[in-house]
Amino acid sequence: MITRSVFHLDCTPIIPQCGFKCAKCLQEIKFVLDKIEGVKRSYTEGEGENMKLVVEHDSSDVTVEYLKETFGRLPSFYKGFFISELLET
């Protein structure tokens, strides 16, 4: 079953000036998510601090908890950069 999970990824406690606007981070998130079996599609909605990351995934292949763990390891150039919050599923 395909689930649409919406996340807010907050990086401002770690790097206040960022505000989730870095193209490098967004590219890496998309690249990593596209490689996870069960993730059908990922995209962003909104802008800046209000940006939401939407992940459409097969919940029998990839769980919300796994996605949150993945976000905690991104971006590769600064581990622990994103604090993820599930907004809706």
C-alpha atoms as a PDB file:
ATOM      1  CA  MET A   1       0.000   0.000   0.000  1.00  0.00           C
ATOM      2  CA  ILE A   2       1.362   3.409  -0.975  1.00  0.00           C
ATOM      3  CA  THR A   3       1.560   5.877   1.903  1.00  0.00           C
ATOM      4  CA  ARG A   4       2.124   9.612   1.604  1.00  0.00           C
ATOM      5  CA  SER A   5       4.247  10.766   4.542  1.00  0.00           C
ATOM      6  CA  VAL A   6       4.949  14.462   5.047  1.00  0.00           C
ATOM      7  CA  PHE A   7       7.983  15.597   7.019  1.00  0.00           C
ATOM      8  CA  HIS A   8       9.468  18.840   8.195  1.00  0.00           C
ATOM      9  CA  LEU A   9      13.250  18.686   8.235  1.00  0.00           C
ATOM     10  CA  ASP A  10      14.673  21.290  10.581  1.00  0.00           C
ATOM     11  CA  CYS A  11      18.308  22.236  10.289  1.00  0.00           C
ATOM     12  CA  THR A  12      18.203  25.683  11.874  1.00  0.00           C
ATOM     13  CA  PRO A  13      19.201  24.601  15.421  1.00  0.00           C
ATOM     14  CA  ILE A  14      22.485  23.398  13.947  1.00  0.00           C
ATOM     15  CA  ILE A  15      23.045  25.969  11.200  1.00  0.00           C
ATOM     16  CA  PRO A  16      20.656  28.910  11.790  1.00  0.00           C
ATOM     17  CA  GLN A  17      21.325  30.644   8.476  1.00  0.00           C
ATOM     18  CA  CYS A  18      20.435  27.589   6.388  1.00  0.00           C
ATOM     19  CA  GLY A  19      16.639  27.408   6.610  1.00  0.00           C
ATOM     20  CA  PHE A  20      16.493  24.276   4.379  1.00  0.00           C
ATOM     21  CA  LYS A  21      17.323  26.236   1.221  1.00  0.00           C
ATOM     22  CA  CYS A  22      20.573  24.574   0.204  1.00  0.00           C
ATOM     23  CA  ALA A  23      20.298  22.999  -3.245  1.00  0.00           C
ATOM     24  CA  LYS A  24      23.117  20.584  -2.365  1.00  0.00           C
ATOM     25  CA  CYS A  25      21.098  19.191   0.575  1.00  0.00           C
ATOM     26  CA  LEU A  26      17.906  18.914  -1.454  1.00  0.00           C
ATOM     27  CA  GLN A  27      19.728  17.074  -4.250  1.00  0.00           C
ATOM     28  CA  GLU A  28      21.260  14.613  -1.808  1.00  0.00           C
ATOM     29  CA  ILE A  29      17.925  13.956  -0.090  1.00  0.00           C
ATOM     30  CA  LYS A  30      16.263  13.192  -3.433  1.00  0.00           C
ATOM     31  CA  PHE A  31      19.211  11.035  -4.565  1.00  0.00           C
ATOM     32  CA  VAL A  32      19.184   8.965  -1.355  1.00  0.00           C
ATOM     33  CA  LEU A  33      15.393   8.573  -1.233  1.00  0.00           C
ATOM     34  CA  ASP A  34      15.231   7.519  -4.884  1.00  0.00           C
ATOM     35  CA  LYS A  35      17.601   4.627  -4.080  1.00  0.00           C
ATOM     36  CA  ILE A  36      15.501   3.236  -1.203  1.00  0.00           C
ATOM     37  CA  GLU A  37      13.432   0.261  -2.284  1.00  0.00           C
ATOM     38  CA  GLY A  38       9.787   1.055  -1.681  1.00  0.00           C
ATOM     39  CA  VAL A  39      10.085   4.817  -2.150  1.00  0.00           C
ATOM     40  CA  LYS A  40       7.976   5.664  -5.175  1.00  0.00           C
ATOM     41  CA  ARG A  41       8.414   9.436  -5.270  1.00  0.00           C
ATOM     42  CA  SER A  42       9.692  12.342  -3.192  1.00  0.00           C
ATOM     43  CA  TYR A  43       9.211  16.073  -3.595  1.00  0.00           C
ATOM     44  CA  THR A  44       9.028  19.311  -1.624  1.00  0.00           C
ATOM     45  CA  GLU A  45       6.101  21.624  -0.948  1.00  0.00           C
ATOM     46  CA  GLY A  46       6.429  25.196   0.281  1.00  0.00           C
ATOM     47  CA  GLU A  47       9.602  27.232   0.774  1.00  0.00           C
ATOM     48  CA  GLY A  48      12.272  27.970   3.362  1.00  0.00           C
ATOM     49  CA  GLU A  49      11.433  27.137   6.961  1.00  0.00           C
ATOM     50  CA  ASN A  50       7.901  26.137   5.891  1.00  0.00           C
ATOM     51  CA  MET A  51       9.144  23.622   3.330  1.00  0.00           C
ATOM     52  CA  LYS A  52       7.739  20.141   3.684  1.00  0.00           C
ATOM     53  CA  LEU A  53       9.247  16.977   2.277  1.00  0.00           C
ATOM     54  CA  VAL A  54       6.667  14.556   0.894  1.00  0.00           C
ATOM     55  CA  VAL A  55       7.645  10.910   0.476  1.00  0.00           C
ATOM     56  CA  GLU A  56       5.319   8.479  -1.265  1.00  0.00           C
ATOM     57  CA  HIS A  57       6.366   5.001  -0.224  1.00  0.00           C
ATOM     58  CA  ASP A  58       5.171   1.435   0.119  1.00  0.00           C
ATOM     59  CA  SER A  59       4.741   1.109   3.868  1.00  0.00           C
ATOM     60  CA  SER A  60       5.352  -2.645   3.695  1.00  0.00           C
ATOM     61  CA  ASP A  61       8.842  -2.016   2.240  1.00  0.00           C
ATOM     62  CA  VAL A  62       9.955   1.156   4.036  1.00  0.00           C
ATOM     63  CA  THR A  63       8.652   2.486   7.349  1.00  0.00           C
ATOM     64  CA  VAL A  64       8.366   6.047   8.573  1.00  0.00           C
ATOM     65  CA  GLU A  65      10.906   5.192  11.278  1.00  0.00           C
ATOM     66  CA  TYR A  66      13.400   4.078   8.630  1.00  0.00           C
ATOM     67  CA  LEU A  67      12.892   7.316   6.709  1.00  0.00           C
ATOM     68  CA  LYS A  68      13.480   9.345   9.886  1.00  0.00           C
ATOM     69  CA  GLU A  69      16.708   7.407  10.547  1.00  0.00           C
ATOM     70  CA  THR A  70      17.793   8.133   6.980  1.00  0.00           C
ATOM     71  CA  PHE A  71      17.194  11.870   7.430  1.00  0.00           C
ATOM     72  CA  GLY A  72      19.330  11.788  10.585  1.00  0.00           C
ATOM     73  CA  ARG A  73      22.299  10.629   8.512  1.00  0.00           C
ATOM     74  CA  LEU A  74      21.935  13.365   5.902  1.00  0.00           C
ATOM     75  CA  PRO A  75      23.549  15.277   4.409  1.00  0.00           C
ATOM     76  CA  SER A  76      26.682  13.186   4.136  1.00  0.00           C
ATOM     77  CA  PHE A  77      28.922  16.240   4.490  1.00  0.00           C
ATOM     78  CA  TYR A  78      27.475  17.089   7.946  1.00  0.00           C
ATOM     79  CA  LYS A  79      25.889  14.160   9.789  1.00  0.00           C
ATOM     80  CA  GLY A  80      22.977  14.834  12.101  1.00  0.00           C
ATOM     81  CA  PHE A  81      22.095  17.998  10.233  1.00  0.00           C
ATOM     82  CA  PHE A  82      18.351  17.400   9.965  1.00  0.00           C
ATOM     83  CA  ILE A  83      15.917  16.967  12.822  1.00  0.00           C
ATOM     84  CA  SER A  84      12.892  15.313  11.246  1.00  0.00           C
ATOM     85  CA  GLU A  85       9.302  15.680  12.334  1.00  0.00           C
ATOM     86  CA  LEU A  86       6.463  13.644  10.852  1.00  0.00           C
ATOM     87  CA  LEU A  87       3.627  16.054  10.043  1.00  0.00           C
ATOM     88  CA  GLU A  88       1.152  13.635   8.500  1.00  0.00           C
ATOM     89  CA  THR A  89       0.848  10.163   7.091  1.00  0.00           C
END
